[in-house]
Each structure stands twice: as structure tokens, then as C-alpha cells.
Protein backbone atom coordinates (compact mmCIF):
# COMPACT_ATOMS: atom_id res chain seq x y z
CA MET A 1 -0.18 -0.21 0.46
CA GLU A 2 1.52 3.89 -0.59
CA LEU A 3 0.71 7.03 -0.06
CA TYR A 4 -0.62 7.64 -3.49
CA GLN A 5 -3.04 5.68 -3.39
CA LEU A 6 -4.39 6.13 -0.30
CA LYS A 7 -4.38 9.89 -1.46
CA THR A 8 -5.53 9.57 -4.40
CA PHE A 9 -8.48 7.47 -2.65
CA VAL A 10 -9.67 10.31 -1.39
CA VAL A 11 -9.69 12.46 -3.76
CA VAL A 12 -11.79 10.07 -5.44
CA ALA A 13 -14.04 9.97 -2.57
CA GLU A 14 -14.00 13.88 -2.58
CA GLU A 15 -14.65 14.28 -5.82
CA GLY A 16 -17.40 11.36 -6.38
CA ASN A 17 -15.43 11.59 -10.17
CA LEU A 18 -12.21 9.68 -12.07
CA THR A 19 -12.15 12.80 -14.34
CA LYS A 20 -11.94 15.45 -11.79
CA ALA A 21 -9.78 13.14 -9.63
CA ALA A 22 -7.96 13.11 -12.46
CA GLU A 23 -7.43 16.81 -12.47
CA ARG A 24 -6.60 17.37 -8.99
CA ILE A 25 -4.13 15.47 -8.71
CA TYR A 26 -2.81 16.05 -12.12
CA ALA A 27 -3.04 12.46 -13.30
CA SER A 28 -4.46 10.46 -15.83
CA GLN A 29 -8.16 8.87 -15.75
CA PRO A 30 -6.75 4.99 -16.38
CA ALA A 31 -4.05 5.80 -13.58
CA VAL A 32 -6.50 6.82 -10.89
CA SER A 33 -9.02 3.67 -11.16
CA GLY A 34 -5.37 2.22 -11.18
CA HIS A 35 -4.66 3.31 -7.98
CA ILE A 36 -8.34 2.36 -6.78
CA LYS A 37 -7.64 -1.17 -8.08
CA ALA A 38 -4.96 -1.91 -6.72
CA LEU A 39 -5.58 -0.26 -3.37
CA GLU A 40 -8.88 -2.27 -3.45
CA GLU A 41 -7.22 -5.86 -3.97
CA GLU A 42 -4.56 -5.43 -1.74
CA LEU A 43 -7.24 -5.06 0.63
CA GLY A 44 -9.63 -7.37 -0.88
CA LEU A 45 -12.59 -5.08 -0.31
CA PRO A 46 -14.45 -2.72 -2.24
CA LEU A 47 -13.88 1.21 -1.56
CA PHE A 48 -16.63 2.25 -4.31
CA VAL A 49 -19.73 1.63 -6.01
CA ARG A 50 -20.06 3.05 -10.10
CA THR A 51 -22.80 4.48 -11.30
CA PRO A 52 -23.91 6.82 -13.84
CA ARG A 53 -23.33 9.75 -12.05
CA GLY A 54 -20.18 8.14 -10.35
CA MET A 55 -18.28 6.90 -7.88
CA GLN A 56 -19.90 6.44 -4.64
CA LEU A 57 -18.40 4.97 -1.27
CA THR A 58 -19.24 2.22 0.00
CA GLU A 59 -20.16 1.29 3.61
CA VAL A 60 -17.38 -0.18 4.38
CA GLY A 61 -15.29 2.25 1.92
CA LYS A 62 -16.73 5.32 3.82
CA GLY A 63 -14.89 4.20 6.69
CA LEU A 64 -12.09 3.61 5.44
CA LYS A 65 -11.67 6.69 3.76
CA LEU A 66 -11.53 8.08 8.00
CA LYS A 67 -8.10 5.90 8.63
CA ALA A 68 -7.06 7.21 4.61
CA ASP A 69 -7.56 11.15 6.15
CA SER A 70 -5.41 10.05 9.81
CA VAL A 71 -2.22 8.41 7.75
CA LEU A 72 -2.03 11.33 5.33
CA LEU A 73 -2.37 13.90 7.80
CA ALA A 74 0.08 11.51 9.86
CA ALA A 75 2.38 11.52 7.02
CA GLU A 76 2.47 15.18 6.72
CA ASP A 77 3.02 15.80 10.29
CA MET A 78 6.05 13.59 10.42
CA VAL A 79 7.56 16.12 7.68
CA ASN A 80 6.37 19.04 9.32
CA GLN A 81 8.66 18.64 12.19
CA ALA A 82 11.11 17.01 10.81
CA THR A 83 11.13 20.66 9.32
CA SER A 84 10.80 21.96 12.30
CA TYR A 85 13.93 20.19 13.20
CA ARG A 86 16.02 22.62 10.81
CA GLU A 87 17.79 26.21 12.26
CA GLU A 88 16.57 27.74 9.24
CA LEU A 89 13.48 27.11 7.26
CA THR A 90 14.17 26.76 3.85
CA GLY A 91 12.22 26.36 0.68
CA THR A 92 9.87 27.83 -2.00
CA LEU A 93 6.22 28.88 -1.42
CA THR A 94 4.14 30.12 -4.46
CA ILE A 95 1.98 32.18 -3.36
CA ALA A 96 -1.75 33.80 -5.49
CA LEU A 97 -2.14 37.23 -5.85
CA ASN A 98 -5.93 38.23 -6.66
CA THR A 99 -5.76 41.46 -7.09
CA ASP A 100 -3.00 44.12 -7.29
CA PRO A 101 0.05 43.95 -5.34
CA GLU A 102 -0.09 47.36 -3.85
CA PHE A 103 -3.38 46.75 -2.87
CA LEU A 104 -2.08 42.91 -1.35
CA ARG A 105 1.01 44.97 0.18
CA VAL A 106 3.03 42.16 -1.77
CA ALA A 107 6.81 44.34 -1.23
CA GLU A 108 6.03 45.07 2.42
CA LEU A 109 5.30 40.99 2.84
CA SER A 110 8.78 39.93 0.69
CA GLU A 111 10.89 42.44 2.59
CA ALA A 112 9.36 40.84 6.34
CA MET A 113 9.98 37.38 5.01
CA ALA A 114 13.46 38.58 3.63
CA MET A 115 13.99 39.57 7.78
CA ALA A 116 12.67 37.10 9.16
CA GLN A 117 13.04 33.70 7.02
CA PRO A 118 16.34 35.18 4.78
CA LYS A 119 16.09 30.60 3.21
CA LEU A 120 13.12 31.33 2.46
CA ARG A 121 11.82 32.67 -0.97
CA LEU A 122 8.86 33.70 -2.62
CA LYS A 123 7.26 32.99 -5.56
CA PHE A 124 3.53 35.12 -6.89
CA MET A 125 1.98 34.65 -9.66
CA GLN A 126 -1.46 36.72 -10.82
CA GLY A 127 -5.18 34.84 -10.63
CA SER A 128 -8.60 35.63 -9.58
CA SER A 129 -10.24 34.78 -6.33
CA GLY A 130 -12.31 31.71 -7.58
CA PRO A 131 -9.57 29.96 -9.35
CA ILE A 132 -7.22 30.19 -6.51
CA LEU A 133 -9.52 28.66 -3.73
CA LYS A 134 -9.61 25.54 -5.82
CA ASP A 135 -5.68 25.63 -6.60
CA VAL A 136 -5.02 25.63 -2.94
CA ARG A 137 -7.83 23.76 -1.48
CA ASP A 138 -6.12 20.51 -4.60
CA ARG A 139 -2.63 22.09 -3.04
CA ARG A 140 -1.41 23.28 -6.54
CA ILE A 141 -0.19 26.23 -4.68
CA ASP A 142 0.92 27.18 -1.26
CA ALA A 143 -1.15 30.07 -0.20
CA GLY A 144 -3.06 32.87 -1.81
CA PHE A 145 -5.20 36.63 -1.30
CA SER A 146 -8.97 35.33 -1.71
CA PHE A 147 -11.65 38.26 -1.91
CA PHE A 148 -14.49 34.94 -1.97
CA ASP A 149 -16.10 34.13 1.35
CA ASN A 150 -14.26 30.20 1.54
CA LEU A 151 -16.90 27.90 0.97
CA TYR A 152 -14.27 24.78 0.78
CA PRO A 153 -13.63 22.64 4.41
CA GLU A 154 -9.69 21.46 3.11
CA VAL A 155 -9.08 25.63 3.07
CA THR A 156 -8.13 27.40 5.76
CA ALA A 157 -9.11 31.46 5.63
CA LEU A 158 -7.01 34.33 7.76
CA LYS A 159 -9.94 37.76 7.14
CA LEU A 160 -7.28 40.44 6.89
CA ARG A 161 -9.33 43.07 6.57
CA GLU A 162 -12.79 44.77 5.66
CA ILE A 163 -12.48 46.55 1.99
CA PRO A 164 -16.02 49.00 0.89
CA VAL A 165 -16.60 48.42 -3.03
CA ARG A 166 -18.12 51.99 -4.70
CA VAL A 167 -20.48 52.65 -7.16
CA VAL A 168 -18.34 54.48 -10.02
CA ALA A 169 -19.08 56.84 -13.30
CA PRO A 170 -16.91 58.88 -15.09
CA SER A 171 -16.20 62.13 -14.86
CA THR A 172 -17.96 63.21 -17.47
CA TRP A 173 -20.62 61.47 -16.20
CA ALA A 174 -21.72 63.46 -13.19
CA ALA A 175 -24.42 65.49 -14.65
CA ARG A 176 -25.75 62.26 -15.59
CA VAL A 177 -25.62 60.33 -12.29
CA LYS A 178 -27.16 62.91 -9.31
CA ASP A 179 -28.91 61.38 -7.68
CA LYS A 180 -29.85 59.19 -9.42
CA SER A 181 -30.70 55.76 -7.81
CA LEU A 182 -29.40 52.23 -8.18
CA ASP A 183 -32.12 51.14 -10.28
CA GLN A 184 -31.93 54.23 -12.38
CA LEU A 185 -27.69 54.01 -12.39
CA ALA A 186 -28.81 50.15 -13.06
CA ALA A 187 -30.20 50.93 -16.70
CA MET A 188 -27.27 52.68 -17.85
CA PRO A 189 -24.28 50.98 -19.24
CA TRP A 190 -22.42 48.61 -17.18
CA ILE A 191 -18.70 47.70 -17.00
CA LYS A 192 -19.62 44.00 -15.52
CA PRO A 193 -17.14 41.96 -13.63
CA ASP A 194 -16.30 38.62 -14.85
CA VAL A 195 -19.49 36.34 -14.05
CA ASP A 196 -16.97 34.96 -10.71
CA CYS A 197 -15.68 37.28 -9.99
CA PRO A 198 -16.67 38.55 -6.09
CA PHE A 199 -17.86 42.19 -8.01
CA MET A 200 -21.01 40.05 -9.33
CA LYS A 201 -21.21 38.40 -6.46
CA ILE A 202 -22.20 41.51 -4.72
CA ILE A 203 -23.99 43.09 -7.85
CA GLU A 204 -25.88 39.37 -8.25
CA GLY A 205 -26.93 40.18 -4.24
CA VAL A 206 -27.76 44.12 -4.39
CA PHE A 207 -30.13 43.68 -7.71
CA GLU A 208 -31.02 39.88 -7.20
CA ASP A 209 -34.01 40.98 -4.42
CA SER A 210 -35.56 43.75 -6.28
CA GLY A 211 -35.66 42.27 -9.96
CA ILE A 212 -33.01 44.98 -11.40
CA LEU A 213 -30.95 43.56 -14.34
CA ILE A 214 -28.63 45.50 -15.96
CA THR A 215 -28.63 44.08 -19.71
CA ASP A 216 -26.44 46.66 -21.57
CA TYR A 217 -22.74 46.63 -20.64
CA ILE A 218 -19.33 45.19 -21.32
CA GLU A 219 -17.81 41.90 -19.54
CA ALA A 220 -14.05 42.82 -17.95
CA ASP A 221 -12.54 40.37 -15.99
CA SER A 222 -9.57 42.56 -15.03
CA GLU A 223 -9.70 44.81 -12.68
CA ASP A 224 -7.44 47.59 -14.23
CA VAL A 225 -9.23 47.22 -17.61
CA ILE A 226 -12.39 47.49 -15.78
CA ARG A 227 -10.67 50.96 -14.58
CA ARG A 228 -9.51 52.01 -17.45
CA LEU A 229 -13.55 50.69 -19.39
CA VAL A 230 -14.96 53.43 -16.66
CA ALA A 231 -12.05 56.42 -17.67
CA ALA A 232 -12.35 55.52 -21.02
CA GLY A 233 -16.41 57.16 -20.58
CA LYS A 234 -17.56 53.52 -21.64
CA GLY A 235 -19.24 52.32 -18.27
CA VAL A 236 -20.68 52.44 -14.39
CA SER A 237 -19.08 49.52 -12.39
CA LEU A 238 -18.12 48.90 -9.35
CA LEU A 239 -14.03 49.29 -7.83
CA LYS A 240 -11.98 49.05 -4.30
CA GLN A 241 -12.68 51.79 -2.28
CA SER A 242 -9.07 52.45 -2.69
CA ASP A 243 -9.23 52.31 -6.59
CA ALA A 244 -12.29 54.64 -6.52
CA ASP A 245 -10.25 57.22 -4.90
CA ALA A 246 -7.79 56.89 -6.74
CA MET A 247 -9.59 57.50 -10.31
CA VAL A 248 -11.45 60.24 -8.37
CA ALA A 249 -8.17 62.39 -7.09
CA GLU A 250 -6.26 61.43 -11.20
CA GLY A 251 -9.76 63.31 -11.85
CA THR A 252 -11.20 60.01 -14.08
CA ALA A 253 -13.93 58.53 -12.24
CA LEU A 254 -16.68 60.12 -9.48
CA ILE A 255 -18.35 58.20 -7.02
CA CYS A 256 -22.09 57.59 -7.03
CA GLU A 257 -23.15 58.06 -3.23
CA THR A 258 -26.07 55.88 -3.16
CA GLY A 259 -26.99 52.64 -2.63
CA PRO A 260 -26.34 50.26 0.69
CA VAL A 261 -22.73 49.98 1.55
CA LEU A 262 -20.76 47.58 -0.27
CA SER A 263 -17.65 45.60 1.41
CA LEU A 264 -16.20 42.35 0.78
CA HIS A 265 -12.92 40.85 2.55
CA ILE A 266 -9.68 40.05 1.71
CA CYS A 267 -8.75 36.92 2.90
CA PHE A 268 -4.92 34.90 3.26
CA VAL A 269 -5.99 31.59 2.26
CA TYR A 270 -3.77 27.78 2.93
CA PRO A 271 -5.00 24.16 2.81
CA LYS A 272 -5.64 23.28 5.90
CA SER A 273 -3.65 20.37 5.70
CA ARG A 274 -1.34 22.22 6.28
CA GLN A 275 -1.87 24.69 9.06
CA GLY A 276 1.05 22.23 10.85
CA ASP A 277 3.61 23.11 8.57
CA PRO A 278 6.61 25.39 9.58
CA LEU A 279 6.41 27.20 6.19
CA ILE A 280 2.74 27.55 6.29
CA ARG A 281 2.78 28.92 9.74
CA ALA A 282 5.93 31.21 8.95
CA LEU A 283 4.49 33.12 6.16
CA THR A 284 0.85 33.50 8.08
CA ASP A 285 2.56 34.94 11.15
CA VAL A 286 4.68 37.57 8.33
CA VAL A 287 1.07 38.03 6.09
CA ALA A 288 -1.05 38.70 9.20
CA GLN A 289 1.83 41.27 10.57
CA THR A 290 2.12 42.46 8.23
CA TRP A 291 -1.35 43.68 7.54
CA GLU A 292 -1.22 44.92 10.70
CA ASP A 293 0.94 46.88 10.66
CA ALA A 294 -0.39 48.53 7.57
CA ASP A 295 -3.59 49.10 9.88
CA CYS A 296 -1.39 50.84 12.24
CA ALA A 297 -0.37 53.29 9.82
């Protein structure tokens, strides 16, 4: 019995689907099937029932999954303990950024980590909140930032700050948007975030109970593109308070003082199974301190 077989077993149980499980562990579907078959043969017990709807755990499989979870956790704890015996932490941590590096204090985070753990390297990559959460859950990356509420039990989310969100319009639209209610603004052209963007969830949350629909819009999947389109006079949109204030200062946008107070939480997320990992502990400590220092400033 190999640890990789147990990991495959657990992922198939969680996904209920061989194809999705294969995607999570970067393996082919035949390889995943082979792992499960070999494990069932070694145990002498059926772990799954193959149905048209996917892979369903047998009663025996449900009990053995709990044991597999504990075995994998114990193996990870052993690695973590070995890491803690080193005088200095070494390695590379991949962190996904869901918005601009300045807002996420990437420079300050890098400097603080270099001071605290000089042999621990950070690798930053750009992403968006939804995919970042999935990649953290599947352990494709070590950690990341997200605006989305965490829905995955396999992920730990450290809330860093509540972020105000404002409705903004092109600066040339001052007369057009003055004293307009939210439903009146909805009838104007909009720059809508991508459907999987947390800003889109805010729009849906504001409008779904009132039956208001935004029908005239351009869709964009980048905050930078949204800012540029608003500045170009293409429509109304939602932006972080800091971005809205910057555009007002530049003279390219104005804030629409209407509707409910909107906000998102910025969270730092990492796999729950790694909360005992000295590398992750060092990283979360530095992230928390960096944002605490920002609040003090």
C-alpha cells in the first residue's frame, strides 16, 4: 500500500468522479482507476460503487476513508516535524495574488519574510479569487489571497480586512448620474466583472431581491481593464474604495453616493491540512503582521 494510492482514494471520494479526481492530482484517468483497483485488491474490499452518476463510497469505503485521512495527515505531520528540526526554514512558497500587488502589500511582505526567514523564497503568481481557492484546496499552490467567502472545508481563510466597494462612473458623467438611485444607475451602461468575480456577486446580491437587471454592459475579467473602461467613459462599475479614490484624484471617475454600503473581505487562504507546516506558519505570521502594521500606519 502506497501513500499515493491513499491520496487518490481520498480525492476520488471527495470528487465522486474519476475525471475530476485525475485533474486534481495531475494524473490520467486510467492511472487513477489503476490506483483504486490496486488498493481494493490489496485490501480485499470494494471501496466504491460505480454508478451512472459517478463513484460512490461503499459503507466499508466510508469507514476506510476516515482511516486514510488520518494516515495522510500523520505522514504530513512527520514531514512538518522534520522541517521544524532545521535551524532555518528553506524552500519556496507559491502565493497567488487576486488583485494588484500594491494593494496586497507584496513588497512589504517580501521584505518582512526576508528578515524573518532569509532562506525561504516566495514566488508570486497572478490569479483570481475563485480559481485561487480551488488551487489552494487541491494544493496546486501553497497559499493565496481571495475576496470570495471560503466554501471549502479543506481551506483555512485568515480574514485580513473588510474592503469597502464603491459604485463609480466616468468623471464626464457627473450630470448624468447626479442624485440617481441604484435602480436608475442599473439602466445605464455598465462595465460588469466576469461572472466568477466576487464583485459580480456583490452586484447580484444588491439587485436579485429587487428584480433589477443590468442589460446594457461590457464584461471584463480584470480590475485594470474595468478602471480603463470607466475612465474612457464606457460605463458604471464597482471598484475597491482605494481604486475609486485614486481615480477620483486623477479626475477620471466619480463616486456615486447611492445605494447600500458594499464591501468584501480580503482573506489569506492556505490548505487546512498544512496549518501545522512550519513554512505555512511562518508565512501566515508574516502576512498577519504585515497587514497589522498597515492598520497601525
